[in-house]
Amino acid sequence: MKHFDKQAKEWDNDPKKTERAIAIAKEMTDFIQPNKTMNAFEFGCGTGLLSYQLKDFFKTITLADTSEGMIKVLQEKIANENIKNFEPLLIDLLEEDVVINENSYDVIYTLMTLHHILVIDKILKIFNAMLKTGGYLCIADLVQEDGSFHSNVPDFNGHNGFNRAELSAILFGHGFKIEYNKIPLEIEKEFGKKIKKYPLFLMICKKIN
């Protein structure tokens, strides 16, 4: 996570990251229609760009990340803007022995984080335990790609995106029913003079058991 600690201070300077957060937030809120009685949890929040777009839709948002640098920047933003309903949390859910706040969240969402998690089954089990029955899990991440997306990160050892049919089957096995599965945008990356496009999917799943 040192990679993200180093990037934290400059993270929000890329307007494309904010555009991405705005697009995903709109898709989520249009589908879920959240209200101010609901509590949300963002997994892998970074500096809170996505949650910032959702702050007026939920009663509380817990923003969790393993990067101390990212959480520090987030805390500064919360203080500067006096955001009352954000609760930043420096935590590695996969290292915790107990599930935090069992059956207490209406919505859990994650943007461009799942591909960094090696053991998908473990994190989905944790998400299921944290969510209320009927609650939503929203996953926005890369469609399966050729490995070039992280070619500039020498120690990357996650997933090269996801095959959506395979991920859907895994989610179903963990008590989630896919209710929404679309590609709302693409991420463009420059490689020399060439620009390569990487589709980003959004899956919204309901906890059924």
Protein backbone atom coordinates (compact mmCIF):
# COMPACT_ATOMS: atom_id res chain seq x y z
CA MET A 1 0.00 0.00 0.00
CA LYS A 2 3.04 2.29 0.00
CA HIS A 3 2.22 2.95 -3.67
CA PHE A 4 -1.04 4.61 -2.58
CA ASP A 5 0.52 6.44 0.38
CA LYS A 6 2.91 8.13 -2.05
CA GLN A 7 0.13 9.04 -4.47
CA ALA A 8 -2.34 10.32 -1.86
CA LYS A 9 -1.44 14.04 -1.93
CA GLU A 10 -1.69 14.23 -5.74
CA TRP A 11 -4.65 11.83 -6.11
CA ASP A 12 -7.38 14.45 -6.49
CA ASN A 13 -5.43 16.45 -9.08
CA ASP A 14 -6.53 14.11 -11.87
CA PRO A 15 -9.94 15.39 -13.11
CA LYS A 16 -10.65 12.02 -14.74
CA LYS A 17 -10.83 10.38 -11.30
CA THR A 18 -13.50 12.88 -10.25
CA GLU A 19 -15.41 12.39 -13.54
CA ARG A 20 -15.32 8.63 -12.92
CA ALA A 21 -16.71 9.08 -9.39
CA ILE A 22 -19.51 11.36 -10.65
CA ALA A 23 -20.53 8.84 -13.34
CA ILE A 24 -20.58 5.86 -10.97
CA ALA A 25 -22.41 7.82 -8.26
CA LYS A 26 -25.14 8.77 -10.74
CA GLU A 27 -25.61 5.17 -11.91
CA MET A 28 -25.79 3.97 -8.30
CA THR A 29 -28.25 6.58 -7.05
CA ASP A 30 -30.49 6.30 -10.12
CA PHE A 31 -30.83 2.56 -9.52
CA ILE A 32 -30.85 2.31 -5.70
CA GLN A 33 -32.75 5.55 -4.97
CA PRO A 34 -31.10 5.92 -1.54
CA ASN A 35 -32.54 8.06 1.24
CA LYS A 36 -31.28 9.82 4.34
CA THR A 37 -32.20 6.93 6.66
CA MET A 38 -29.62 4.63 5.00
CA ASN A 39 -26.08 3.90 6.15
CA ALA A 40 -23.36 3.20 3.59
CA PHE A 41 -19.84 1.77 3.64
CA GLU A 42 -17.14 2.43 1.04
CA PHE A 43 -14.43 -0.21 0.75
CA GLY A 44 -11.14 1.17 -0.56
CA CYS A 45 -12.24 4.79 -0.36
CA GLY A 46 -8.93 6.46 -1.18
CA THR A 47 -9.43 10.20 -0.69
CA GLY A 48 -13.21 9.79 -0.74
CA LEU A 49 -13.97 10.96 -4.29
CA LEU A 50 -16.91 8.59 -4.79
CA SER A 51 -18.36 9.07 -1.31
CA TYR A 52 -18.11 12.84 -1.77
CA GLN A 53 -20.56 12.52 -4.68
CA LEU A 54 -22.87 10.44 -2.48
CA LYS A 55 -22.65 12.40 0.77
CA ASP A 56 -26.09 14.02 0.43
CA PHE A 57 -27.85 10.70 -0.24
CA PHE A 58 -27.04 8.78 2.96
CA LYS A 59 -27.44 9.28 6.70
CA THR A 60 -23.86 8.12 7.38
CA ILE A 61 -20.98 6.90 5.21
CA THR A 62 -18.10 4.91 6.69
CA LEU A 63 -15.05 5.28 4.44
CA ALA A 64 -12.49 2.50 4.86
CA ASP A 65 -9.00 2.15 3.40
CA THR A 66 -5.69 0.48 4.28
CA SER A 67 -3.62 3.47 3.11
CA GLU A 68 -2.68 5.86 5.91
CA GLY A 69 -1.81 8.55 3.34
CA MET A 70 -5.23 8.38 1.68
CA ILE A 71 -7.10 8.48 5.01
CA LYS A 72 -5.02 11.48 6.10
CA VAL A 73 -6.00 13.44 2.96
CA LEU A 74 -9.63 12.39 3.49
CA GLN A 75 -9.58 13.60 7.11
CA GLU A 76 -8.26 16.98 5.96
CA LYS A 77 -11.10 17.27 3.42
CA ILE A 78 -13.70 16.36 6.05
CA ALA A 79 -12.30 19.02 8.41
CA ASN A 80 -12.00 21.68 5.71
CA GLU A 81 -15.56 21.20 4.46
CA ASN A 82 -17.08 20.29 7.84
CA ILE A 83 -18.68 17.11 6.46
CA LYS A 84 -20.76 15.73 9.32
CA ASN A 85 -21.82 12.30 8.07
CA PHE A 86 -18.40 10.87 7.03
CA GLU A 87 -16.64 8.38 9.30
CA PRO A 88 -13.10 7.61 8.03
CA LEU A 89 -11.64 4.26 9.04
CA LEU A 90 -8.05 3.07 8.62
CA ILE A 91 -8.56 -0.68 8.48
CA ASP A 92 -7.69 -3.83 6.56
CA LEU A 93 -10.93 -5.82 6.61
CA LEU A 94 -9.14 -8.94 5.44
CA GLU A 95 -6.83 -8.86 8.47
CA GLU A 96 -9.56 -8.36 11.06
CA ASP A 97 -10.75 -11.37 13.07
CA VAL A 98 -14.25 -10.04 13.56
CA VAL A 99 -16.69 -8.52 11.09
CA ILE A 100 -17.32 -4.89 11.90
CA ASN A 101 -20.93 -3.82 12.35
CA GLU A 102 -22.69 -7.02 11.37
CA ASN A 103 -25.97 -6.59 9.43
CA SER A 104 -25.82 -2.81 9.82
CA TYR A 105 -25.24 -1.35 6.35
CA ASP A 106 -27.84 -0.69 3.66
CA VAL A 107 -25.28 -0.22 0.89
CA ILE A 108 -21.63 -1.21 0.45
CA TYR A 109 -19.77 0.10 -2.58
CA THR A 110 -16.29 -0.10 -4.01
CA LEU A 111 -14.67 1.60 -7.01
CA MET A 112 -11.49 0.24 -8.61
CA THR A 113 -10.52 -1.65 -5.44
CA LEU A 114 -11.68 -5.24 -5.89
CA HIS A 115 -9.00 -6.06 -8.48
CA HIS A 116 -6.38 -5.43 -5.74
CA ILE A 117 -7.95 -8.12 -3.51
CA LEU A 118 -6.47 -11.57 -4.13
CA VAL A 119 -9.00 -13.61 -2.15
CA ILE A 120 -12.37 -12.48 -3.54
CA ASP A 121 -14.33 -15.14 -1.63
CA LYS A 122 -13.10 -13.83 1.71
CA ILE A 123 -14.05 -10.21 1.12
CA LEU A 124 -17.49 -11.15 -0.29
CA LYS A 125 -18.18 -13.21 2.84
CA ILE A 126 -17.29 -10.15 4.93
CA PHE A 127 -19.49 -7.85 2.80
CA ASN A 128 -22.41 -10.27 3.17
CA ALA A 129 -22.04 -10.27 6.96
CA MET A 130 -21.91 -6.46 7.11
CA LEU A 131 -24.97 -5.89 4.91
CA LYS A 132 -28.57 -6.00 5.99
CA THR A 133 -30.70 -8.56 4.14
CA GLY A 134 -32.01 -6.74 1.07
CA GLY A 135 -29.04 -4.37 1.16
CA TYR A 136 -27.00 -3.55 -1.92
CA LEU A 137 -23.40 -4.30 -2.86
CA CYS A 138 -22.10 -2.10 -5.70
CA ILE A 139 -18.88 -3.10 -7.45
CA ALA A 140 -17.31 -0.82 -10.06
CA ASP A 141 -14.14 -2.24 -11.56
CA LEU A 142 -12.23 -3.19 -14.68
CA VAL A 143 -13.56 -5.62 -17.23
CA GLN A 144 -11.00 -8.39 -17.77
CA GLU A 145 -7.96 -6.91 -19.54
CA ASP A 146 -4.59 -8.07 -20.88
CA GLY A 147 -2.53 -7.00 -17.88
CA SER A 148 -1.37 -3.72 -19.42
CA PHE A 149 -3.46 -1.54 -17.09
CA HIS A 150 -0.99 -1.96 -14.23
CA SER A 151 2.13 -2.22 -16.38
CA ASN A 152 3.52 0.88 -14.64
CA VAL A 153 3.12 -0.69 -11.17
CA PRO A 154 6.02 -3.15 -10.81
CA ASP A 155 4.78 -4.94 -7.68
CA PHE A 156 1.11 -5.29 -8.71
CA ASN A 157 -0.18 -8.77 -7.89
CA GLY A 158 -3.97 -8.44 -8.15
CA HIS A 159 -6.47 -9.35 -10.86
CA ASN A 160 -6.30 -8.08 -14.44
CA GLY A 161 -9.92 -7.00 -14.25
CA PHE A 162 -12.80 -9.47 -14.07
CA ASN A 163 -14.79 -11.73 -16.33
CA ARG A 164 -18.28 -10.51 -15.43
CA ALA A 165 -19.99 -13.88 -15.86
CA GLU A 166 -17.45 -15.56 -13.56
CA LEU A 167 -17.74 -12.78 -10.97
CA SER A 168 -21.54 -12.99 -11.11
CA ALA A 169 -21.38 -16.72 -10.32
CA ILE A 170 -19.05 -16.07 -7.37
CA LEU A 171 -21.35 -13.33 -6.04
CA PHE A 172 -24.38 -15.62 -6.35
CA GLY A 173 -22.50 -18.25 -4.33
CA HIS A 174 -22.10 -15.70 -1.54
CA GLY A 175 -25.79 -14.83 -1.29
CA PHE A 176 -25.99 -11.97 -3.79
CA LYS A 177 -28.39 -11.58 -6.70
CA ILE A 178 -27.16 -9.41 -9.59
CA GLU A 179 -29.76 -6.73 -10.30
CA TYR A 180 -27.74 -4.35 -12.49
CA ASN A 181 -24.74 -5.12 -14.69
CA LYS A 182 -23.57 -2.48 -17.17
CA ILE A 183 -20.47 -0.74 -18.54
CA PRO A 184 -21.07 2.96 -17.84
CA LEU A 185 -17.64 4.28 -18.85
CA GLU A 186 -14.12 3.60 -20.05
CA ILE A 187 -10.75 4.56 -18.61
CA GLU A 188 -8.22 5.84 -21.13
CA LYS A 189 -4.50 5.33 -20.64
CA GLU A 190 -1.67 6.64 -22.77
CA PHE A 191 1.12 4.32 -23.83
CA GLY A 192 3.58 6.45 -25.77
CA LYS A 193 1.52 7.92 -28.60
CA LYS A 194 -1.20 5.28 -28.32
CA ILE A 195 -4.33 5.56 -26.18
CA LYS A 196 -5.84 2.36 -24.85
CA LYS A 197 -9.37 2.12 -23.49
CA TYR A 198 -10.36 -0.05 -20.53
CA PRO A 199 -14.09 -0.60 -19.95
CA LEU A 200 -15.32 -0.17 -16.38
CA PHE A 201 -18.34 -2.20 -15.27
CA LEU A 202 -20.81 -1.52 -12.48
CA MET A 203 -22.57 -4.43 -10.82
CA ILE A 204 -25.28 -3.77 -8.26
CA CYS A 205 -26.22 -6.86 -6.25
CA LYS A 206 -28.86 -7.42 -3.59
CA LYS A 207 -28.14 -9.54 -0.51
CA ILE A 208 -30.76 -12.29 -0.62
CA ASN A 209 -29.36 -14.60 2.09
